[in-house]
Amino acid sequence: MSGIRWRLPALVAALATTTGLAVAPAQGAEPTGQPHVNAAGVTLGYFVDWGVYQRDYHVKNIETSGSASKLTHINYAFGNVTNGQCAIGDSYADYDRFYDAASSVDGTADTWDAGALRGSFNQLRKLKAMHPGLKVIWSFGGWSWSGGFGQAAANPAAFADSCHDLVEDPRWADVFDGIDIDWEYPNACGLQCDTSGAAAFPNLMSALRQRFGPDDLVTAAITADGSDGGKIDAADYGGAARYVDWYNVMSYDYFGAFDADGPTAPHSPLTSYDGIPAQGFNTDAALQKLQSKGIPASKLLLGIGFYGRGWTGVTQAAPGGSATGAAPGTYEPGIEDYKVIRDRCPATGTVAGTAYAFCGDQWWSYDTPETIRGKMSYASDHGLGGAFFWELSGDTRDGELISAMRD
């Protein structure tokens, strides 16, 4: 998830070998091998390709903010899914945009030589050279581009072949260490509704694991709807878990001004609380439900939003008040980056492990360094693999939120 609703920790540790889950295989081809790592110690952040335009956020900013040294993984968002295949999302931003010496992460300008790689892909290549342990994963789909997964699921092997060919294209094969699937949502509704069936997701992930093999990362961003009969129950995430290195559990966007009249509620509650508008819409409920389906905690990453969601026309400081619509946002009504909202509407309280703010007639919810530290304690106490966040450009210039995650 992002400002346009693309759905969209622990200290770094050595990644250990795992044999996967003892669950029944999905229908279709068996993988050639199980994932080679577990998610122990993962601190992952999303970098969005459109951020280089209006947001003016580039790979260099990951370095100058100090964030690069605190990350173990970056998800590059997004590649498209169309005609049953993986496809480039934005060719100019991805591999063609020219970076001069001043804007390049390593101070060396791009070249126009035939076959030379430019754009964010080349900048990520340079960032990895500066931080040899850093891994980059190419994420496909997201809120706006998940409509193609239904067709892809009809022929998982062909889809996997197309993704492998694109991720391992010789021009940038060294940039990427694997693939991430952000399908919103298998056998359920997001921007569009999918009717592929519960087995479609494990079949797709099985095909990807078989094609990418045991040494590449294969991950997925998944729903955090912990309600009875909700999106977690609609797809066989448990059956697919044996094929993935980890799941990015999107534990944010539970509530917001997409319900224009409220009630006001934090968009990323860690736990339930008295008066929460919907049962099961909290991080703990989602993580507990996923584990009940046989997914080990070590394969689950807790999601953090580096942004807030807000309403206007609010008269009540505490959660649960009525509203008249979405509060103004820089890129979209009802959403604002943390680096902006922390000063414009400072936090006035906390509820369910996250912060909220009441200023004038506006009511916002967002995570602060303090609430993030609480969520990281939860992740550690419950044996989670780590945490991830959406997305890098929402943080402050000095990486205030990612520093709290790393702390």
Protein backbone atom coordinates (compact mmCIF):
# COMPACT_ATOMS: atom_id res chain seq x y z
CA MET A 1 0.00 0.00 0.00
CA SER A 2 1.12 3.58 -0.52
CA GLY A 3 -0.25 7.04 -0.94
CA ILE A 4 -2.15 5.64 -3.94
CA ARG A 5 -3.14 2.48 -2.05
CA TRP A 6 -0.67 0.07 -3.63
CA ARG A 7 -0.51 -2.67 -1.13
CA LEU A 8 0.70 -2.62 -0.33
CA PRO A 9 13.09 -5.30 13.82
CA ALA A 10 15.20 -7.64 15.09
CA LEU A 11 18.94 -7.14 14.74
CA VAL A 12 20.62 -8.56 11.66
CA ALA A 13 21.45 -12.21 12.25
CA ALA A 14 22.97 -14.97 10.20
CA LEU A 15 20.32 -16.59 8.04
CA ALA A 16 19.96 -20.27 8.81
CA THR A 17 19.02 -23.19 6.61
CA THR A 18 15.43 -24.39 6.77
CA THR A 19 13.65 -27.42 5.36
CA GLY A 20 10.26 -25.82 5.01
CA LEU A 21 6.96 -26.82 6.55
CA ALA A 22 5.63 -30.32 6.97
CA VAL A 23 2.40 -29.62 5.11
CA ALA A 24 0.74 -31.23 2.13
CA PRO A 25 2.09 -29.99 -1.20
CA ALA A 26 -0.07 -27.81 -3.40
CA GLN A 27 -1.49 -29.18 -6.58
CA GLY A 28 0.79 -28.97 -9.58
CA ALA A 29 4.52 -29.32 -9.99
CA GLU A 30 6.72 -30.00 -6.97
CA PRO A 31 9.47 -27.50 -6.24
CA THR A 32 13.06 -28.46 -7.00
CA GLY A 33 14.06 -27.49 -3.47
CA GLN A 34 12.89 -25.80 -0.33
CA PRO A 35 13.73 -22.19 0.56
CA HIS A 36 17.35 -21.89 1.64
CA VAL A 37 16.84 -19.38 4.46
CA ASN A 38 14.38 -18.44 7.11
CA ALA A 39 13.42 -14.88 7.92
CA ALA A 40 15.50 -14.52 11.09
CA GLY A 41 16.65 -10.94 11.54
CA VAL A 42 15.01 -9.46 8.45
CA THR A 43 14.59 -5.68 8.26
CA LEU A 44 12.99 -4.98 4.88
CA GLY A 45 11.87 -1.74 3.29
CA TYR A 46 9.97 -1.04 0.08
CA PHE A 47 11.43 1.28 -2.55
CA VAL A 48 8.78 2.44 -5.04
CA ASP A 49 9.68 3.14 -8.66
CA TRP A 50 7.30 6.12 -8.92
CA GLY A 51 9.02 7.79 -5.95
CA VAL A 52 11.67 9.24 -8.27
CA TYR A 53 9.09 11.62 -9.76
CA GLN A 54 6.92 13.83 -7.54
CA ARG A 55 8.39 12.52 -4.31
CA ASP A 56 11.94 13.11 -5.57
CA TYR A 57 13.15 10.08 -3.61
CA HIS A 58 16.00 8.13 -5.18
CA VAL A 59 18.29 5.26 -4.26
CA LYS A 60 20.85 7.83 -3.12
CA ASN A 61 18.43 8.89 -0.38
CA ILE A 62 18.57 5.38 1.07
CA GLU A 63 22.29 5.91 1.60
CA THR A 64 22.33 9.56 2.73
CA SER A 65 19.57 8.92 5.30
CA GLY A 66 21.63 6.17 6.89
CA SER A 67 18.91 3.65 6.08
CA ALA A 68 21.00 1.42 3.81
CA SER A 69 23.19 0.21 6.67
CA LYS A 70 20.11 -0.67 8.72
CA LEU A 71 18.38 -2.74 6.02
CA THR A 72 18.86 -6.40 5.26
CA HIS A 73 16.51 -6.37 2.24
CA ILE A 74 14.83 -3.96 -0.16
CA ASN A 75 11.66 -4.79 -2.09
CA TYR A 76 11.58 -2.93 -5.39
CA ALA A 77 7.94 -2.09 -6.23
CA PHE A 78 6.41 -2.79 -8.59
CA GLY A 79 6.65 -4.99 -11.61
CA ASN A 80 3.40 -5.43 -13.50
CA VAL A 81 1.41 -8.62 -14.03
CA THR A 82 -0.37 -8.69 -17.38
CA ASN A 83 -1.37 -11.29 -19.96
CA GLY A 84 -0.44 -13.98 -17.47
CA GLN A 85 3.16 -12.78 -17.30
CA CYS A 86 5.54 -10.64 -15.28
CA ALA A 87 6.25 -7.34 -17.03
CA ILE A 88 8.24 -4.13 -16.53
CA GLY A 89 6.40 -1.52 -14.50
CA ASP A 90 8.14 1.71 -15.60
CA SER A 91 11.02 1.22 -18.01
CA TYR A 92 12.26 4.82 -17.70
CA ALA A 93 12.45 4.82 -13.91
CA ASP A 94 13.60 1.21 -13.75
CA TYR A 95 16.55 1.11 -16.14
CA ASP A 96 16.78 4.14 -18.43
CA ARG A 97 16.77 7.36 -16.36
CA PHE A 98 20.17 9.11 -16.36
CA TYR A 99 21.80 9.89 -13.02
CA ASP A 100 24.63 12.43 -13.03
CA ALA A 101 27.48 12.29 -10.53
CA ALA A 102 25.72 14.51 -7.99
CA SER A 103 22.55 12.39 -7.94
CA SER A 104 24.22 8.99 -8.18
CA VAL A 105 24.57 6.92 -5.03
CA ASP A 106 28.32 6.47 -5.50
CA GLY A 107 29.15 9.86 -7.05
CA THR A 108 29.77 8.41 -10.52
CA ALA A 109 27.58 9.46 -13.43
CA ASP A 110 25.75 7.01 -15.66
CA THR A 111 26.87 6.57 -19.25
CA TRP A 112 24.99 6.49 -22.53
CA ASP A 113 27.12 3.62 -23.81
CA ALA A 114 25.21 0.99 -25.74
CA GLY A 115 23.88 -1.62 -23.35
CA ALA A 116 24.72 0.39 -20.22
CA LEU A 117 22.29 0.02 -17.35
CA ARG A 118 20.86 3.22 -15.89
CA GLY A 119 17.86 4.12 -13.75
CA SER A 120 17.05 2.77 -10.30
CA PHE A 121 18.30 -0.70 -11.25
CA ASN A 122 21.83 0.61 -11.76
CA GLN A 123 21.61 2.70 -8.61
CA LEU A 124 20.59 -0.39 -6.64
CA ARG A 125 23.51 -2.27 -8.16
CA LYS A 126 25.83 0.45 -6.84
CA LEU A 127 24.13 0.46 -3.43
CA LYS A 128 24.65 -3.29 -3.14
CA ALA A 129 28.34 -2.84 -3.97
CA MET A 130 28.57 -0.40 -1.06
CA HIS A 131 26.67 -2.79 1.24
CA PRO A 132 27.62 -6.34 0.20
CA GLY A 133 25.15 -8.02 2.55
CA LEU A 134 22.13 -6.13 1.25
CA LYS A 135 19.62 -8.12 -0.82
CA VAL A 136 17.12 -6.71 -3.35
CA ILE A 137 13.87 -8.45 -4.26
CA TRP A 138 11.67 -7.45 -7.20
CA SER A 139 8.03 -7.22 -6.12
CA PHE A 140 5.22 -7.78 -8.63
CA GLY A 141 1.57 -6.78 -8.42
CA GLY A 142 0.40 -4.43 -5.68
CA TRP A 143 -3.02 -2.89 -5.23
CA SER A 144 -3.29 -1.52 -8.78
CA TRP A 145 -1.65 -4.38 -10.68
CA SER A 146 -3.07 -7.47 -8.98
CA GLY A 147 -5.78 -7.96 -11.60
CA GLY A 148 -3.40 -10.01 -13.75
CA PHE A 149 -2.78 -12.73 -11.19
CA GLY A 150 -5.99 -14.60 -12.00
CA GLN A 151 -4.82 -15.20 -15.55
CA ALA A 152 -1.32 -16.04 -14.29
CA ALA A 153 -2.78 -18.65 -11.93
CA ALA A 154 -4.41 -20.43 -14.87
CA ASN A 155 -0.93 -21.41 -16.10
CA PRO A 156 1.48 -21.10 -13.14
CA ALA A 157 4.43 -22.66 -14.94
CA ALA A 158 4.25 -20.20 -17.84
CA PHE A 159 3.91 -17.32 -15.39
CA ALA A 160 6.94 -18.51 -13.43
CA ASP A 161 8.98 -18.82 -16.63
CA SER A 162 8.12 -15.24 -17.62
CA CYS A 163 9.04 -13.92 -14.17
CA HIS A 164 12.33 -15.77 -14.10
CA ASP A 165 13.23 -14.51 -17.58
CA LEU A 166 12.54 -10.93 -16.49
CA VAL A 167 14.16 -10.99 -13.04
CA GLU A 168 17.20 -12.82 -14.43
CA ASP A 169 17.53 -10.68 -17.55
CA PRO A 170 21.30 -10.44 -18.19
CA ARG A 171 21.14 -6.65 -18.09
CA TRP A 172 20.26 -6.63 -14.37
CA ALA A 173 20.41 -10.22 -13.10
CA ASP A 174 23.03 -9.25 -10.49
CA VAL A 175 20.70 -6.58 -9.05
CA PHE A 176 17.99 -8.95 -7.85
CA ASP A 177 18.16 -11.78 -5.34
CA GLY A 178 14.64 -13.08 -5.87
CA ILE A 179 10.99 -12.31 -6.44
CA ASP A 180 8.12 -11.12 -4.26
CA ILE A 181 4.45 -11.62 -5.12
CA ASP A 182 1.96 -9.00 -3.90
CA TRP A 183 -1.40 -10.45 -4.96
CA GLU A 184 -4.30 -8.45 -3.54
CA TYR A 185 -6.08 -10.78 -3.05
CA PRO A 186 -6.20 -14.44 -4.10
CA ASN A 187 -9.77 -15.76 -4.13
CA ALA A 188 -11.01 -12.47 -2.61
CA CYS A 189 -11.57 -8.82 -3.50
CA GLY A 190 -9.14 -5.91 -3.67
CA LEU A 191 -9.31 -3.33 -6.44
CA GLN A 192 -10.85 -6.23 -8.38
CA CYS A 193 -12.32 -9.53 -7.23
CA ASP A 194 -10.59 -12.85 -7.87
CA THR A 195 -12.33 -16.22 -8.12
CA SER A 196 -9.32 -18.44 -8.83
CA GLY A 197 -10.02 -20.68 -5.84
CA ALA A 198 -8.14 -21.39 -2.63
CA ALA A 199 -5.55 -23.59 -4.38
CA ALA A 200 -4.49 -20.91 -6.88
CA PHE A 201 -2.04 -19.19 -4.55
CA PRO A 202 -0.07 -22.28 -3.46
CA ASN A 203 0.00 -23.49 -7.07
CA LEU A 204 1.47 -20.16 -8.16
CA MET A 205 4.08 -20.09 -5.41
CA SER A 206 5.00 -23.72 -6.05
CA ALA A 207 5.69 -22.93 -9.70
CA LEU A 208 7.81 -19.93 -8.76
CA ARG A 209 9.87 -21.94 -6.29
CA GLN A 210 10.41 -24.67 -8.86
CA ARG A 211 11.55 -22.16 -11.50
CA PHE A 212 13.69 -19.97 -9.25
CA GLY A 213 15.16 -22.90 -7.34
CA PRO A 214 16.23 -23.15 -3.71
CA ASP A 215 18.87 -20.42 -3.77
CA ASP A 216 16.78 -17.41 -4.85
CA LEU A 217 14.42 -15.69 -2.47
CA VAL A 218 10.71 -16.26 -3.10
CA THR A 219 8.46 -14.20 -0.83
CA ALA A 220 4.93 -12.79 -0.79
CA ALA A 221 3.10 -9.83 0.69
CA ILE A 222 -0.20 -11.08 2.09
CA THR A 223 -3.36 -9.84 3.73
CA ALA A 224 -3.56 -9.15 7.46
CA ASP A 225 -7.34 -9.66 7.66
CA GLY A 226 -7.68 -11.81 10.76
CA SER A 227 -11.49 -11.80 10.83
CA ASP A 228 -13.52 -15.00 10.75
CA GLY A 229 -14.09 -15.96 7.12
CA GLY A 230 -11.94 -13.06 5.95
CA LYS A 231 -9.18 -12.83 3.36
CA ILE A 232 -6.73 -15.06 5.24
CA ASP A 233 -9.34 -17.81 5.20
CA ALA A 234 -10.05 -17.32 1.47
CA ALA A 235 -6.66 -18.55 0.21
CA ASP A 236 -4.43 -21.44 1.27
CA TYR A 237 -1.58 -19.41 2.72
CA GLY A 238 -0.66 -22.35 4.93
CA GLY A 239 -0.29 -24.67 1.96
CA ALA A 240 1.89 -22.14 0.13
CA ALA A 241 4.15 -21.46 3.10
CA ARG A 242 6.53 -24.33 2.29
CA TYR A 243 7.48 -22.57 -0.94
CA VAL A 244 8.26 -19.12 0.48
CA ASP A 245 11.16 -17.78 2.49
CA TRP A 246 8.75 -15.51 4.34
CA TYR A 247 5.47 -13.62 4.20
CA ASN A 248 5.24 -9.83 4.50
CA VAL A 249 2.04 -9.51 6.53
CA MET A 250 0.47 -6.16 5.56
CA SER A 251 -0.63 -5.21 9.07
CA TYR A 252 -1.75 -1.68 8.22
CA ASP A 253 -4.66 0.04 6.43
CA TYR A 254 -7.22 -1.64 8.67
CA PHE A 255 -9.16 1.61 9.06
CA GLY A 256 -9.08 4.97 7.29
CA ALA A 257 -11.03 7.69 5.52
CA PHE A 258 -12.10 5.27 2.81
CA ASP A 259 -14.89 5.10 5.43
CA ALA A 260 -15.50 8.83 5.14
CA ASP A 261 -17.77 9.30 8.16
CA GLY A 262 -15.62 7.19 10.51
CA PRO A 263 -15.56 6.05 13.18
CA THR A 264 -11.98 7.20 13.67
CA ALA A 265 -9.64 4.30 14.40
CA PRO A 266 -5.92 3.60 14.11
CA HIS A 267 -4.99 2.19 10.72
CA SER A 268 -2.40 -0.22 12.16
CA PRO A 269 -3.49 -1.44 15.61
CA LEU A 270 -1.17 -4.01 17.11
CA THR A 271 -3.95 -5.52 19.22
CA SER A 272 -7.69 -5.25 19.62
CA TYR A 273 -9.21 -2.65 21.96
CA ASP A 274 -12.59 -1.72 23.36
CA GLY A 275 -14.56 -0.07 20.58
CA ILE A 276 -12.50 -1.33 17.64
CA PRO A 277 -14.77 -1.05 14.56
CA ALA A 278 -14.14 -4.60 13.27
CA GLN A 279 -13.08 -7.75 15.08
CA GLY A 280 -9.98 -9.44 13.68
CA PHE A 281 -8.71 -6.21 12.15
CA ASN A 282 -5.47 -5.99 14.10
CA THR A 283 -1.94 -7.29 13.76
CA ASP A 284 -2.03 -9.82 16.58
CA ALA A 285 -5.24 -11.42 15.30
CA ALA A 286 -3.78 -11.79 11.81
CA LEU A 287 -0.51 -13.27 12.99
CA GLN A 288 -2.26 -15.70 15.32
CA LYS A 289 -4.60 -16.83 12.54
CA LEU A 290 -1.74 -17.37 10.12
CA GLN A 291 0.12 -19.47 12.68
CA SER A 292 -3.03 -21.50 13.31
CA LYS A 293 -2.82 -22.53 9.65
CA GLY A 294 0.59 -24.09 10.17
CA ILE A 295 2.82 -21.15 9.25
CA PRO A 296 5.74 -20.82 11.69
CA ALA A 297 6.25 -17.43 13.32
CA SER A 298 9.77 -17.34 11.86
CA LYS A 299 8.25 -17.04 8.37
CA LEU A 300 6.12 -14.03 9.27
CA LEU A 301 7.27 -10.40 9.09
CA LEU A 302 5.31 -7.70 10.93
CA GLY A 303 4.33 -4.77 8.70
CA ILE A 304 4.83 -1.10 9.61
CA GLY A 305 3.42 1.89 7.72
CA PHE A 306 5.69 4.93 7.39
CA TYR A 307 2.62 7.12 6.89
CA GLY A 308 -0.58 8.15 8.61
CA ARG A 309 -4.27 7.99 7.74
CA GLY A 310 -6.62 10.75 8.74
CA TRP A 311 -10.12 12.24 8.77
CA THR A 312 -11.45 15.79 8.90
CA GLY A 313 -14.63 17.13 10.51
CA VAL A 314 -13.80 15.36 13.77
CA THR A 315 -14.76 16.78 17.19
CA GLN A 316 -13.66 13.93 19.46
CA ALA A 317 -10.04 13.48 20.50
CA ALA A 318 -10.36 9.81 21.46
CA PRO A 319 -10.79 7.07 18.85
CA GLY A 320 -14.34 6.31 17.76
CA GLY A 321 -15.47 9.78 16.71
CA SER A 322 -17.49 10.64 13.63
CA ALA A 323 -16.00 12.51 10.66
CA THR A 324 -17.07 14.26 7.48
CA GLY A 325 -14.36 13.03 5.11
CA ALA A 326 -10.67 12.54 4.43
CA ALA A 327 -8.13 14.95 5.86
CA PRO A 328 -5.96 16.70 3.24
CA GLY A 329 -2.82 14.88 2.12
CA THR A 330 0.11 15.84 -0.09
CA TYR A 331 -0.49 13.12 -2.69
CA GLU A 332 -3.92 11.74 -1.80
CA PRO A 333 -6.67 12.79 0.64
CA GLY A 334 -6.58 10.87 3.89
CA ILE A 335 -2.91 9.82 3.68
CA GLU A 336 0.28 11.63 4.65
CA ASP A 337 3.94 10.66 5.03
CA TYR A 338 5.25 10.33 8.58
CA LYS A 339 7.91 12.97 7.93
CA VAL A 340 5.13 15.49 7.28
CA ILE A 341 2.39 14.47 9.70
CA ARG A 342 4.65 14.18 12.77
CA ASP A 343 5.10 17.97 12.70
CA ARG A 344 1.77 19.00 11.19
CA CYS A 345 -0.33 17.01 13.67
CA PRO A 346 1.84 15.66 16.53
CA ALA A 347 0.67 12.57 18.40
CA THR A 348 -1.65 13.23 21.32
CA GLY A 349 -2.30 9.67 22.50
CA THR A 350 -1.83 5.97 21.92
CA VAL A 351 -4.23 3.09 21.49
CA ALA A 352 -3.63 -0.59 20.74
CA GLY A 353 0.12 -0.13 20.42
CA THR A 354 0.04 2.72 17.91
CA ALA A 355 -0.32 6.52 18.06
CA TYR A 356 -3.09 8.92 17.17
CA ALA A 357 -3.28 12.71 16.88
CA PHE A 358 -6.12 15.22 17.20
CA CYS A 359 -5.45 18.71 15.87
CA GLY A 360 -8.11 21.25 14.92
CA ASP A 361 -10.83 19.13 13.35
CA GLN A 362 -8.43 16.48 12.03
CA TRP A 363 -7.75 13.03 13.49
CA TRP A 364 -4.74 10.99 12.35
CA SER A 365 -3.17 7.69 13.28
CA TYR A 366 0.41 6.67 12.61
CA ASP A 367 3.38 4.92 14.16
CA THR A 368 6.08 6.87 15.98
CA PRO A 369 9.55 5.71 17.02
CA GLU A 370 8.10 4.81 20.42
CA THR A 371 5.23 2.71 19.08
CA ILE A 372 7.52 1.06 16.54
CA ARG A 373 9.82 -0.04 19.35
CA GLY A 374 6.79 -1.58 21.04
CA LYS A 375 5.89 -3.45 17.86
CA MET A 376 9.47 -4.68 17.49
CA SER A 377 9.31 -5.98 21.07
CA TYR A 378 6.15 -7.85 20.09
CA ALA A 379 7.94 -9.32 17.06
CA SER A 380 10.85 -10.46 19.21
CA ASP A 381 8.68 -11.82 22.01
CA HIS A 382 6.57 -13.83 19.54
CA GLY A 383 9.49 -15.25 17.56
CA LEU A 384 8.67 -13.47 14.30
CA GLY A 385 11.22 -13.45 11.50
CA GLY A 386 11.54 -9.67 11.58
CA ALA A 387 9.67 -6.70 10.18
CA PHE A 388 9.16 -4.70 7.01
CA PHE A 389 7.80 -1.27 6.17
CA TRP A 390 5.98 0.63 3.44
CA GLU A 391 7.86 2.65 2.28
CA LEU A 392 11.25 4.37 2.37
CA SER A 393 10.24 7.86 1.20
CA GLY A 394 7.85 8.31 4.15
CA ASP A 395 10.68 8.41 6.69
CA THR A 396 12.59 11.50 7.80
CA ARG A 397 15.83 12.64 6.17
CA ASP A 398 17.82 10.93 8.90
CA GLY A 399 15.80 7.69 8.91
CA GLU A 400 14.06 8.21 12.26
CA LEU A 401 11.61 5.33 11.89
CA ILE A 402 13.98 2.76 10.47
CA SER A 403 16.40 3.59 13.29
CA ALA A 404 13.63 2.75 15.75
CA MET A 405 13.05 -0.55 13.97
CA ARG A 406 16.74 -1.39 14.12
CA ASP A 407 16.99 -0.36 17.76
